């Protein structure tokens, strides 16, 4: 798996886990599934960052997203 794809997948999972955590807490139930998704997304982001030699700058993040989306659209 490409490090850009791992980063985008991990970031998407992190973004989806946050509303799930708030929903579980507001319903007074433990956020088990949301916590697992949060751990998987965080792990993917950390692995992607460790595979890039210089790391990822904040200015590169939109370009990474568009490159990954462009690969699937074309």
PDB file of N, CA and C in Angstrom:
ATOM      1  N   UNK A   1       0.846  -1.168   0.000  1.00  0.00           N
ATOM      2  CA  UNK A   1       0.000   0.000   0.000  1.00  0.00           C
ATOM      3  C   UNK A   1       0.897   1.238   0.000  1.00  0.00           C
ATOM      4  N   UNK A   2       0.574   2.175  -0.821  1.00  0.00           N
ATOM      5  CA  UNK A   2       1.303   3.424  -0.970  1.00  0.00           C
ATOM      6  C   UNK A   2       1.142   4.275   0.296  1.00  0.00           C
ATOM      7  N   UNK A   3       2.173   5.031   0.661  1.00  0.00           N
ATOM      8  CA  UNK A   3       2.098   5.835   1.882  1.00  0.00           C
ATOM      9  C   UNK A   3       1.065   6.962   1.755  1.00  0.00           C
ATOM     10  N   UNK A   4       0.893   7.499   0.546  1.00  0.00           N
ATOM     11  CA  UNK A   4      -0.141   8.522   0.353  1.00  0.00           C
ATOM     12  C   UNK A   4      -1.536   7.930   0.561  1.00  0.00           C
ATOM     13  N   UNK A   5      -1.749   6.745   0.041  1.00  0.00           N
ATOM     14  CA  UNK A   5      -3.045   6.088   0.217  1.00  0.00           C
ATOM     15  C   UNK A   5      -3.293   5.753   1.681  1.00  0.00           C
ATOM     16  N   UNK A   6      -2.253   5.302   2.387  1.00  0.00           N
ATOM     17  CA  UNK A   6      -2.401   5.028   3.820  1.00  0.00           C
ATOM     18  C   UNK A   6      -2.738   6.298   4.589  1.00  0.00           C
ATOM     19  N   UNK A   7      -2.110   7.402   4.213  1.00  0.00           N
ATOM     20  CA  UNK A   7      -2.375   8.668   4.900  1.00  0.00           C
ATOM     21  C   UNK A   7      -3.807   9.126   4.682  1.00  0.00           C
ATOM     22  N   UNK A   8      -4.274   9.074   3.444  1.00  0.00           N
ATOM     23  CA  UNK A   8      -5.631   9.524   3.134  1.00  0.00           C
ATOM     24  C   UNK A   8      -6.663   8.610   3.797  1.00  0.00           C
ATOM     25  N   UNK A   9      -6.446   7.301   3.754  1.00  0.00           N
ATOM     26  CA  UNK A   9      -7.362   6.362   4.394  1.00  0.00           C
ATOM     27  C   UNK A   9      -7.393   6.582   5.900  1.00  0.00           C
ATOM     28  N   UNK A  10      -6.229   6.750   6.504  1.00  0.00           N
ATOM     29  CA  UNK A  10      -6.166   6.990   7.939  1.00  0.00           C
ATOM     30  C   UNK A  10      -6.827   8.295   8.338  1.00  0.00           C
ATOM     31  N   UNK A  11      -6.604   9.338   7.563  1.00  0.00           N
ATOM     32  CA  UNK A  11      -7.223  10.627   7.861  1.00  0.00           C
ATOM     33  C   UNK A  11      -8.745  10.554   7.730  1.00  0.00           C
ATOM     34  N   UNK A  12      -9.219   9.834   6.731  1.00  0.00           N
ATOM     35  CA  UNK A  12     -10.664   9.681   6.564  1.00  0.00           C
ATOM     36  C   UNK A  12     -11.264   8.894   7.730  1.00  0.00           C
ATOM     37  N   UNK A  13     -10.583   7.839   8.163  1.00  0.00           N
ATOM     38  CA  UNK A  13     -11.075   7.073   9.313  1.00  0.00           C
ATOM     39  C   UNK A  13     -11.066   7.912  10.580  1.00  0.00           C
ATOM     40  N   UNK A  14     -10.036   8.724  10.762  1.00  0.00           N
ATOM     41  CA  UNK A  14      -9.995   9.605  11.926  1.00  0.00           C
ATOM     42  C   UNK A  14     -11.145  10.600  11.902  1.00  0.00           C
ATOM     43  N   UNK A  15     -11.415  11.151  10.723  1.00  0.00           N
ATOM     44  CA  UNK A  15     -12.504  12.115  10.610  1.00  0.00           C
ATOM     45  C   UNK A  15     -13.864  11.471  10.863  1.00  0.00           C
ATOM     46  N   UNK A  16     -14.035  10.232  10.452  1.00  0.00           N
ATOM     47  CA  UNK A  16     -15.308   9.548  10.669  1.00  0.00           C
ATOM     48  C   UNK A  16     -15.475   9.052  12.098  1.00  0.00           C
ATOM     49  N   UNK A  17     -14.392   8.843  12.797  1.00  0.00           N
ATOM     50  CA  UNK A  17     -14.501   8.319  14.158  1.00  0.00           C
ATOM     51  C   UNK A  17     -14.922   9.389  15.163  1.00  0.00           C
ATOM     52  N   UNK A  18     -14.616  10.636  14.900  1.00  0.00           N
ATOM     53  CA  UNK A  18     -14.928  11.698  15.857  1.00  0.00           C
ATOM     54  C   UNK A  18     -16.437  11.860  16.062  1.00  0.00           C
ATOM     55  N   UNK A  19     -17.253  11.966  15.004  1.00  0.00           N
ATOM     56  CA  UNK A  19     -18.706  12.039  15.250  1.00  0.00           C
ATOM     57  C   UNK A  19     -19.260  10.768  15.890  1.00  0.00           C
ATOM     58  N   UNK A  20     -18.664   9.628  15.570  1.00  0.00           N
ATOM     59  CA  UNK A  20     -19.128   8.380  16.172  1.00  0.00           C
ATOM     60  C   UNK A  20     -18.852   8.352  17.672  1.00  0.00           C
ATOM     61  N   UNK A  21     -17.729   8.905  18.082  1.00  0.00           N
ATOM     62  CA  UNK A  21     -17.418   8.974  19.510  1.00  0.00           C
ATOM     63  C   UNK A  21     -18.412   9.888  20.221  1.00  0.00           C
ATOM     64  N   UNK A  22     -18.671  11.067  19.660  1.00  0.00           N
ATOM     65  CA  UNK A  22     -19.625  11.984  20.286  1.00  0.00           C
ATOM     66  C   UNK A  22     -21.027  11.398  20.330  1.00  0.00           C
ATOM     67  N   UNK A  23     -21.401  10.675  19.290  1.00  0.00           N
ATOM     68  CA  UNK A  23     -22.717  10.041  19.267  1.00  0.00           C
ATOM     69  C   UNK A  23     -22.836   8.974  20.350  1.00  0.00           C
ATOM     70  N   UNK A  24     -21.814   8.183  20.511  1.00  0.00           N
ATOM     71  CA  UNK A  24     -21.844   7.134  21.531  1.00  0.00           C
ATOM     72  C   UNK A  24     -21.878   7.741  22.932  1.00  0.00           C
ATOM     73  N   UNK A  25     -21.123   8.780  23.150  1.00  0.00           N
ATOM     74  CA  UNK A  25     -21.103   9.409  24.469  1.00  0.00           C
ATOM     75  C   UNK A  25     -22.439  10.069  24.777  1.00  0.00           C
ATOM     76  N   UNK A  26     -23.045  10.710  23.775  1.00  0.00           N
ATOM     77  CA  UNK A  26     -24.328  11.367  24.016  1.00  0.00           C
ATOM     78  C   UNK A  26     -25.454  10.361  24.249  1.00  0.00           C
ATOM     79  N   UNK A  27     -25.309   9.138  23.741  1.00  0.00           N
ATOM     80  CA  UNK A  27     -26.302   8.084  23.978  1.00  0.00           C
ATOM     81  C   UNK A  27     -25.989   7.261  25.225  1.00  0.00           C
ATOM     82  N   UNK A  28     -24.993   7.664  25.979  1.00  0.00           N
ATOM     83  CA  UNK A  28     -24.562   6.989  27.213  1.00  0.00           C
ATOM     84  C   UNK A  28     -24.175   5.533  26.986  1.00  0.00           C
ATOM     85  N   UNK A  29     -23.446   5.294  25.917  1.00  0.00           N
ATOM     86  CA  UNK A  29     -22.942   3.948  25.655  1.00  0.00           C
ATOM     87  C   UNK A  29     -21.453   4.054  25.367  1.00  0.00           C
ATOM     88  N   UNK A  30     -20.721   2.986  25.624  1.00  0.00           N
ATOM     89  CA  UNK A  30     -19.268   3.059  25.402  1.00  0.00           C
ATOM     90  C   UNK A  30     -18.926   3.119  23.905  1.00  0.00           C
ATOM     91  N   UNK A  31     -17.990   3.981  23.537  1.00  0.00           N
ATOM     92  CA  UNK A  31     -17.624   4.132  22.119  1.00  0.00           C
ATOM     93  C   UNK A  31     -16.606   3.089  21.666  1.00  0.00           C
ATOM     94  N   UNK A  32     -16.971   1.818  21.726  1.00  0.00           N
ATOM     95  CA  UNK A  32     -16.017   0.754  21.395  1.00  0.00           C
ATOM     96  C   UNK A  32     -15.637   0.754  19.920  1.00  0.00           C
ATOM     97  N   UNK A  33     -16.631   0.722  19.046  1.00  0.00           N
ATOM     98  CA  UNK A  33     -16.351   0.670  17.606  1.00  0.00           C
ATOM     99  C   UNK A  33     -15.640   1.941  17.149  1.00  0.00           C
ATOM    100  N   UNK A  34     -16.072   3.077  17.680  1.00  0.00           N
ATOM    101  CA  UNK A  34     -15.433   4.336  17.298  1.00  0.00           C
ATOM    102  C   UNK A  34     -13.983   4.381  17.769  1.00  0.00           C
ATOM    103  N   UNK A  35     -13.705   3.815  18.935  1.00  0.00           N
ATOM    104  CA  UNK A  35     -12.334   3.789  19.437  1.00  0.00           C
ATOM    105  C   UNK A  35     -11.454   2.883  18.579  1.00  0.00           C
ATOM    106  N   UNK A  36     -12.003   1.778  18.119  1.00  0.00           N
ATOM    107  CA  UNK A  36     -11.239   0.878  17.247  1.00  0.00           C
ATOM    108  C   UNK A  36     -10.942   1.564  15.918  1.00  0.00           C
ATOM    109  N   UNK A  37     -11.925   2.264  15.369  1.00  0.00           N
ATOM    110  CA  UNK A  37     -11.727   2.997  14.115  1.00  0.00           C
ATOM    111  C   UNK A  37     -10.691   4.102  14.320  1.00  0.00           C
ATOM    112  N   UNK A  38     -10.737   4.766  15.468  1.00  0.00           N
ATOM    113  CA  UNK A  38      -9.767   5.809  15.784  1.00  0.00           C
ATOM    114  C   UNK A  38      -8.356   5.234  15.851  1.00  0.00           C
ATOM    115  N   UNK A  39      -8.199   4.081  16.475  1.00  0.00           N
ATOM    116  CA  UNK A  39      -6.886   3.443  16.557  1.00  0.00           C
ATOM    117  C   UNK A  39      -6.369   3.005  15.188  1.00  0.00           C
ATOM    118  N   UNK A  40      -7.238   2.443  14.373  1.00  0.00           N
ATOM    119  CA  UNK A  40      -6.817   2.015  13.033  1.00  0.00           C
ATOM    120  C   UNK A  40      -6.414   3.222  12.187  1.00  0.00           C
ATOM    121  N   UNK A  41      -7.220   4.282  12.215  1.00  0.00           N
ATOM    122  CA  UNK A  41      -6.894   5.482  11.450  1.00  0.00           C
ATOM    123  C   UNK A  41      -5.613   6.134  11.917  1.00  0.00           C
ATOM    124  N   UNK A  42      -5.429   6.211  13.228  1.00  0.00           N
ATOM    125  CA  UNK A  42      -4.197   6.788  13.762  1.00  0.00           C
ATOM    126  C   UNK A  42      -2.974   5.970  13.400  1.00  0.00           C
ATOM    127  N   UNK A  43      -3.123   4.661  13.440  1.00  0.00           N
ATOM    128  CA  UNK A  43      -2.017   3.781  13.070  1.00  0.00           C
ATOM    129  C   UNK A  43      -1.642   3.959  11.605  1.00  0.00           C
ATOM    130  N   UNK A  44      -2.644   4.054  10.739  1.00  0.00           N
ATOM    131  CA  UNK A  44      -2.356   4.262   9.313  1.00  0.00           C
ATOM    132  C   UNK A  44      -1.648   5.590   9.073  1.00  0.00           C
ATOM    133  N   UNK A  45      -2.066   6.633   9.768  1.00  0.00           N
ATOM    134  CA  UNK A  45      -1.420   7.939   9.593  1.00  0.00           C
ATOM    135  C   UNK A  45       0.021   7.886  10.083  1.00  0.00           C
ATOM    136  N   UNK A  46       0.257   7.262  11.240  1.00  0.00           N
ATOM    137  CA  UNK A  46       1.622   7.173  11.774  1.00  0.00           C
ATOM    138  C   UNK A  46       2.514   6.344  10.855  1.00  0.00           C
ATOM    139  N   UNK A  47       1.999   5.242  10.324  1.00  0.00           N
ATOM    140  CA  UNK A  47       2.793   4.429   9.396  1.00  0.00           C
ATOM    141  C   UNK A  47       3.112   5.222   8.131  1.00  0.00           C
ATOM    142  N   UNK A  48       2.136   5.953   7.617  1.00  0.00           N
ATOM    143  CA  UNK A  48       2.371   6.758   6.407  1.00  0.00           C
ATOM    144  C   UNK A  48       3.413   7.837   6.672  1.00  0.00           C
ATOM    145  N   UNK A  49       3.359   8.461   7.841  1.00  0.00           N
ATOM    146  CA  UNK A  49       4.347   9.496   8.164  1.00  0.00           C
ATOM    147  C   UNK A  49       5.739   8.905   8.344  1.00  0.00           C
ATOM    148  N   UNK A  50       5.824   7.696   8.854  1.00  0.00           N
ATOM    149  CA  UNK A  50       7.135   7.085   9.052  1.00  0.00           C
ATOM    150  C   UNK A  50       7.744   6.581   7.742  1.00  0.00           C
ATOM    151  N   UNK A  51       6.915   6.332   6.726  1.00  0.00           N
ATOM    152  CA  UNK A  51       7.437   5.874   5.434  1.00  0.00           C
ATOM    153  C   UNK A  51       7.975   7.022   4.587  1.00  0.00           C
ATOM    154  N   UNK A  52       7.532   8.238   4.843  1.00  0.00           N
ATOM    155  CA  UNK A  52       8.048   9.395   4.111  1.00  0.00           C
ATOM    156  C   UNK A  52       9.347   9.840   4.766  1.00  0.00           C
ATOM    157  N   UNK A  53      10.435   9.943   4.004  1.00  0.00           N
ATOM    158  CA  UNK A  53      11.724  10.304   4.608  1.00  0.00           C
ATOM    159  C   UNK A  53      11.729  11.676   5.273  1.00  0.00           C
ATOM    160  N   UNK A  54      11.143  12.663   4.645  1.00  0.00           N
ATOM    161  CA  UNK A  54      11.147  14.012   5.206  1.00  0.00           C
ATOM    162  C   UNK A  54       9.890  14.348   5.966  1.00  0.00           C
ATOM    163  N   UNK A  55       8.972  13.412   6.065  1.00  0.00           N
ATOM    164  CA  UNK A  55       7.688  13.680   6.697  1.00  0.00           C
ATOM    165  C   UNK A  55       6.725  14.342   5.729  1.00  0.00           C
ATOM    166  N   UNK A  56       5.628  14.803   6.250  1.00  0.00           N
ATOM    167  CA  UNK A  56       4.619  15.466   5.425  1.00  0.00           C
ATOM    168  C   UNK A  56       4.386  16.853   5.995  1.00  0.00           C
ATOM    169  N   UNK A  57       4.547  17.876   5.162  1.00  0.00           N
ATOM    170  CA  UNK A  57       4.281  19.248   5.577  1.00  0.00           C
ATOM    171  C   UNK A  57       2.787  19.520   5.465  1.00  0.00           C
ATOM    172  N   UNK A  58       2.311  20.471   6.238  1.00  0.00           N
ATOM    173  CA  UNK A  58       0.884  20.812   6.194  1.00  0.00           C
ATOM    174  C   UNK A  58       0.451  21.288   4.811  1.00  0.00           C
ATOM    175  N   UNK A  59       1.344  21.945   4.100  1.00  0.00           N
ATOM    176  CA  UNK A  59       1.014  22.438   2.767  1.00  0.00           C
ATOM    177  C   UNK A  59       0.867  21.307   1.756  1.00  0.00           C
ATOM    178  N   UNK A  60       1.429  20.141   2.054  1.00  0.00           N
ATOM    179  CA  UNK A  60       1.355  19.003   1.136  1.00  0.00           C
ATOM    180  C   UNK A  60       0.063  18.207   1.259  1.00  0.00           C
ATOM    181  N   UNK A  61      -0.661  18.358   2.338  1.00  0.00           N
ATOM    182  CA  UNK A  61      -1.819  17.504   2.605  1.00  0.00           C
ATOM    183  C   UNK A  61      -2.893  17.613   1.517  1.00  0.00           C
ATOM    184  N   UNK A  62      -3.276  18.829   1.073  1.00  0.00           N
ATOM    185  CA  UNK A  62      -4.267  18.875  -0.020  1.00  0.00           C
ATOM    186  C   UNK A  62      -3.779  18.205  -1.299  1.00  0.00           C
ATOM    187  N   UNK A  63      -2.489  18.371  -1.616  1.00  0.00           N
ATOM    188  CA  UNK A  63      -1.936  17.731  -2.811  1.00  0.00           C
ATOM    189  C   UNK A  63      -1.988  16.213  -2.695  1.00  0.00           C
ATOM    190  N   UNK A  64      -1.729  15.684  -1.501  1.00  0.00           N
ATOM    191  CA  UNK A  64      -1.790  14.238  -1.291  1.00  0.00           C
ATOM    192  C   UNK A  64      -3.200  13.736  -1.517  1.00  0.00           C
ATOM    193  N   UNK A  65      -4.192  14.443  -0.964  1.00  0.00           N
ATOM    194  CA  UNK A  65      -5.585  14.036  -1.146  1.00  0.00           C
ATOM    195  C   UNK A  65      -5.968  14.052  -2.620  1.00  0.00           C
ATOM    196  N   UNK A  66      -5.601  15.121  -3.332  1.00  0.00           N
ATOM    197  CA  UNK A  66      -5.974  15.216  -4.741  1.00  0.00           C
ATOM    198  C   UNK A  66      -5.250  14.183  -5.595  1.00  0.00           C
ATOM    199  N   UNK A  67      -3.999  13.859  -5.256  1.00  0.00           N
ATOM    200  CA  UNK A  67      -3.275  12.812  -6.000  1.00  0.00           C
ATOM    201  C   UNK A  67      -3.954  11.461  -5.832  1.00  0.00           C
ATOM    202  N   UNK A  68      -4.337  11.140  -4.612  1.00  0.00           N
ATOM    203  CA  UNK A  68      -4.969   9.832  -4.353  1.00  0.00           C
ATOM    204  C   UNK A  68      -6.337   9.770  -5.023  1.00  0.00           C
ATOM    205  N   UNK A  69      -7.111  10.832  -4.901  1.00  0.00           N
ATOM    206  CA  UNK A  69      -8.434  10.856  -5.546  1.00  0.00           C
ATOM    207  C   UNK A  69      -8.277  10.811  -7.066  1.00  0.00           C
ATOM    208  N   UNK A  70      -7.280  11.523  -7.586  1.00  0.00           N
ATOM    209  CA  UNK A  70      -7.033  11.512  -9.034  1.00  0.00           C
ATOM    210  C   UNK A  70      -6.660  10.165  -9.569  1.00  0.00           C
ATOM    211  N   UNK A  71      -5.955   9.356  -8.765  1.00  0.00           N
ATOM    212  CA  UNK A  71      -5.618   8.008  -9.206  1.00  0.00           C
ATOM    213  C   UNK A  71      -6.860   7.145  -9.377  1.00  0.00           C
ATOM    214  N   UNK A  72      -7.841   7.336  -8.520  1.00  0.00           N
ATOM    215  CA  UNK A  72      -9.056   6.517  -8.626  1.00  0.00           C
ATOM    216  C   UNK A  72     -10.017   7.054  -9.674  1.00  0.00           C
ATOM    217  N   UNK A  73      -9.997   8.344  -9.937  1.00  0.00           N
ATOM    218  CA  UNK A  73     -10.893   8.902 -10.939  1.00  0.00           C
ATOM    219  C   UNK A  73     -10.417   8.568 -12.343  1.00  0.00           C
ATOM    220  N   UNK A  74      -9.114   8.618 -12.549  1.00  0.00           N
ATOM    221  CA  UNK A  74      -8.589   8.337 -13.904  1.00  0.00           C
ATOM    222  C   UNK A  74      -8.565   6.897 -14.149  1.00  0.00           C
TER     223      UNK A  74
END
